[in-house]
C-alpha atoms as a PDB file:
ATOM      1  CA  MET A   1      -5.258 -32.317 -49.034  1.00  0.00           C
ATOM      2  CA  HIS A   2      -5.206 -30.829 -52.505  1.00  0.00           C
ATOM      3  CA  TYR A   3      -3.063 -33.465 -54.131  1.00  0.00           C
ATOM      4  CA  LYS A   4      -4.137 -32.535 -57.667  1.00  0.00           C
ATOM      5  CA  THR A   5      -3.184 -28.887 -57.208  1.00  0.00           C
ATOM      6  CA  ILE A   6       0.202 -29.814 -55.785  1.00  0.00           C
ATOM      7  CA  ALA A   7       0.818 -32.368 -58.548  1.00  0.00           C
ATOM      8  CA  LEU A   8      -0.045 -29.804 -61.229  1.00  0.00           C
ATOM      9  CA  GLU A   9       2.271 -27.226 -59.669  1.00  0.00           C
ATOM     10  CA  LEU A  10       5.105 -29.746 -59.615  1.00  0.00           C
ATOM     11  CA  LEU A  11       4.500 -30.590 -63.275  1.00  0.00           C
ATOM     12  CA  GLN A  12       4.563 -26.870 -64.088  1.00  0.00           C
ATOM     13  CA  GLU A  13       8.002 -26.591 -62.488  1.00  0.00           C
ATOM     14  CA  ASN A  14       9.313 -28.311 -65.619  1.00  0.00           C
ATOM     15  CA  PRO A  15       8.033 -26.187 -68.523  1.00  0.00           C
ATOM     16  CA  ALA A  16       9.249 -28.605 -71.203  1.00  0.00           C
ATOM     17  CA  LEU A  17       7.408 -31.534 -69.633  1.00  0.00           C
ATOM     18  CA  HIS A  18       4.323 -29.422 -68.995  1.00  0.00           C
ATOM     19  CA  GLU A  19       4.192 -28.263 -72.629  1.00  0.00           C
ATOM     20  CA  ARG A  20       4.790 -31.796 -73.910  1.00  0.00           C
ATOM     21  CA  LEU A  21       1.912 -33.093 -71.788  1.00  0.00           C
ATOM     22  CA  LYS A  22      -0.357 -30.279 -72.963  1.00  0.00           C
ATOM     23  CA  ALA A  23       0.556 -30.876 -76.604  1.00  0.00           C
ATOM     24  CA  SER A  24      -0.115 -34.590 -76.335  1.00  0.00           C
ATOM     25  CA  ARG A  25      -3.348 -33.905 -74.428  1.00  0.00           C
ATOM     26  CA  THR A  26      -2.203 -36.040 -71.489  1.00  0.00           C
ATOM     27  CA  LEU A  27      -1.747 -33.313 -68.883  1.00  0.00           C
ATOM     28  CA  LEU A  28      -4.983 -34.114 -67.044  1.00  0.00           C
ATOM     29  CA  THR A  29      -4.420 -37.859 -66.853  1.00  0.00           C
ATOM     30  CA  THR A  30      -0.774 -37.369 -65.875  1.00  0.00           C
ATOM     31  CA  MET A  31      -1.729 -34.857 -63.179  1.00  0.00           C
ATOM     32  CA  GLU A  32      -4.331 -37.263 -61.794  1.00  0.00           C
ATOM     33  CA  ARG A  33      -1.835 -40.143 -61.817  1.00  0.00           C
ATOM     34  CA  ARG A  34       0.795 -37.996 -60.105  1.00  0.00           C
ATOM     35  CA  ALA A  35      -1.781 -36.841 -57.528  1.00  0.00           C
ATOM     36  CA  LEU A  36      -2.487 -40.471 -56.637  1.00  0.00           C
ATOM     37  CA  GLU A  37       1.247 -41.093 -56.460  1.00  0.00           C
ATOM     38  CA  LEU A  38       1.623 -38.084 -54.140  1.00  0.00           C
ATOM     39  CA  LYS A  39      -1.181 -39.382 -51.929  1.00  0.00           C
ATOM     40  CA  GLY A  40       0.566 -42.743 -51.687  1.00  0.00           C
ATOM     41  CA  PHE A  41       3.878 -41.088 -50.848  1.00  0.00           C
ATOM     42  CA  HIS A  42       2.135 -38.969 -48.197  1.00  0.00           C
ATOM     43  CA  GLU A  43       0.436 -41.925 -46.562  1.00  0.00           C
ATOM     44  CA  ALA A  44       3.673 -43.930 -46.534  1.00  0.00           C
ATOM     45  CA  ARG A  45       5.644 -41.032 -45.049  1.00  0.00           C
ATOM     46  CA  MET A  46       2.983 -40.495 -42.375  1.00  0.00           C
ATOM     47  CA  GLU A  47       3.222 -44.146 -41.390  1.00  0.00           C
ATOM     48  CA  GLN A  48       7.026 -43.945 -41.230  1.00  0.00           C
ATOM     49  CA  LEU A  49       6.950 -40.823 -39.087  1.00  0.00           C
ATOM     50  CA  LEU A  50       4.231 -42.167 -36.787  1.00  0.00           C
ATOM     51  CA  GLN A  51       6.303 -45.279 -36.153  1.00  0.00           C
ATOM     52  CA  ALA A  52       9.470 -43.267 -35.594  1.00  0.00           C
ATOM     53  CA  ARG A  53       7.843 -40.648 -33.349  1.00  0.00           C
ATOM     54  CA  PRO A  54       4.555 -41.921 -31.924  1.00  0.00           C
ATOM     55  CA  GLN A  55       4.505 -39.129 -29.335  1.00  0.00           C
ATOM     56  CA  SER A  56       4.453 -36.350 -31.957  1.00  0.00           C
ATOM     57  CA  ALA A  57       1.302 -34.388 -32.689  1.00  0.00           C
ATOM     58  CA  THR A  58      -0.727 -35.696 -35.615  1.00  0.00           C
ATOM     59  CA  GLU A  59      -0.754 -32.270 -37.282  1.00  0.00           C
ATOM     60  CA  GLN A  60       3.041 -32.100 -37.122  1.00  0.00           C
ATOM     61  CA  ILE A  61       3.399 -35.600 -38.588  1.00  0.00           C
ATOM     62  CA  THR A  62       0.919 -34.822 -41.360  1.00  0.00           C
ATOM     63  CA  SER A  63       2.703 -31.606 -42.301  1.00  0.00           C
ATOM     64  CA  GLU A  64       6.198 -33.126 -42.270  1.00  0.00           C
ATOM     65  CA  ALA A  65       4.992 -36.152 -44.204  1.00  0.00           C
ATOM     66  CA  LEU A  66       3.498 -33.929 -46.904  1.00  0.00           C
ATOM     67  CA  GLU A  67       6.752 -31.992 -47.257  1.00  0.00           C
ATOM     68  CA  LEU A  68       8.655 -35.258 -47.679  1.00  0.00           C
ATOM     69  CA  ALA A  69       6.054 -36.637 -50.081  1.00  0.00           C
ATOM     70  CA  ILE A  70       6.301 -33.521 -52.250  1.00  0.00           C
ATOM     71  CA  GLU A  71      10.060 -34.009 -52.460  1.00  0.00           C
ATOM     72  CA  ASP A  72       9.491 -37.676 -53.339  1.00  0.00           C
ATOM     73  CA  LEU A  73       7.144 -36.697 -56.167  1.00  0.00           C
ATOM     74  CA  ARG A  74       9.477 -33.918 -57.334  1.00  0.00           C
ATOM     75  CA  ALA A  75      12.271 -36.505 -57.596  1.00  0.00           C
ATOM     76  CA  SER A  76       9.983 -38.913 -59.432  1.00  0.00           C
ATOM     77  CA  ILE A  77       9.028 -36.242 -61.962  1.00  0.00           C
ATOM     78  CA  ALA A  78      12.668 -35.209 -62.371  1.00  0.00           C
ATOM     79  CA  SER A  79      13.642 -38.797 -63.126  1.00  0.00           C
ATOM     80  CA  GLU A  80      10.970 -38.856 -65.833  1.00  0.00           C
ATOM     81  CA  CYS A  81      12.543 -35.747 -67.341  1.00  0.00           C
ATOM     82  CA  SER A  82      16.093 -37.097 -67.293  1.00  0.00           C
ATOM     83  CA  PRO A  83      17.848 -37.469 -70.654  1.00  0.00           C
ATOM     84  CA  ASN A  84      17.460 -41.267 -70.549  1.00  0.00           C
ATOM     85  CA  ALA A  85      13.713 -40.967 -69.994  1.00  0.00           C
ATOM     86  CA  ASN A  86      13.367 -38.618 -72.971  1.00  0.00           C
ATOM     87  CA  GLU A  87      15.192 -41.042 -75.271  1.00  0.00           C
ATOM     88  CA  THR A  88      12.556 -43.712 -74.688  1.00  0.00           C
ATOM     89  CA  ALA A  89       9.597 -41.341 -75.060  1.00  0.00           C
END
């Protein structure tokens, strides 16, 4: 998996956040942290799906779990960009 690439793309979906991270020189560390978060989400989703559907093909579980994990990370990033999050930054 290319967790770092996916994490960076998700950060780039929010131009204001991306620019803020670049300006504060924290884009790399944030991307790496989000990549680890994505990996954790992916592993957790794989475990959930394997328990729910043990007969399913591993490739199918892995793919579905990644799609769900990406949505989990997208939601996590969006919550960071919410107006309340910006007030505390």
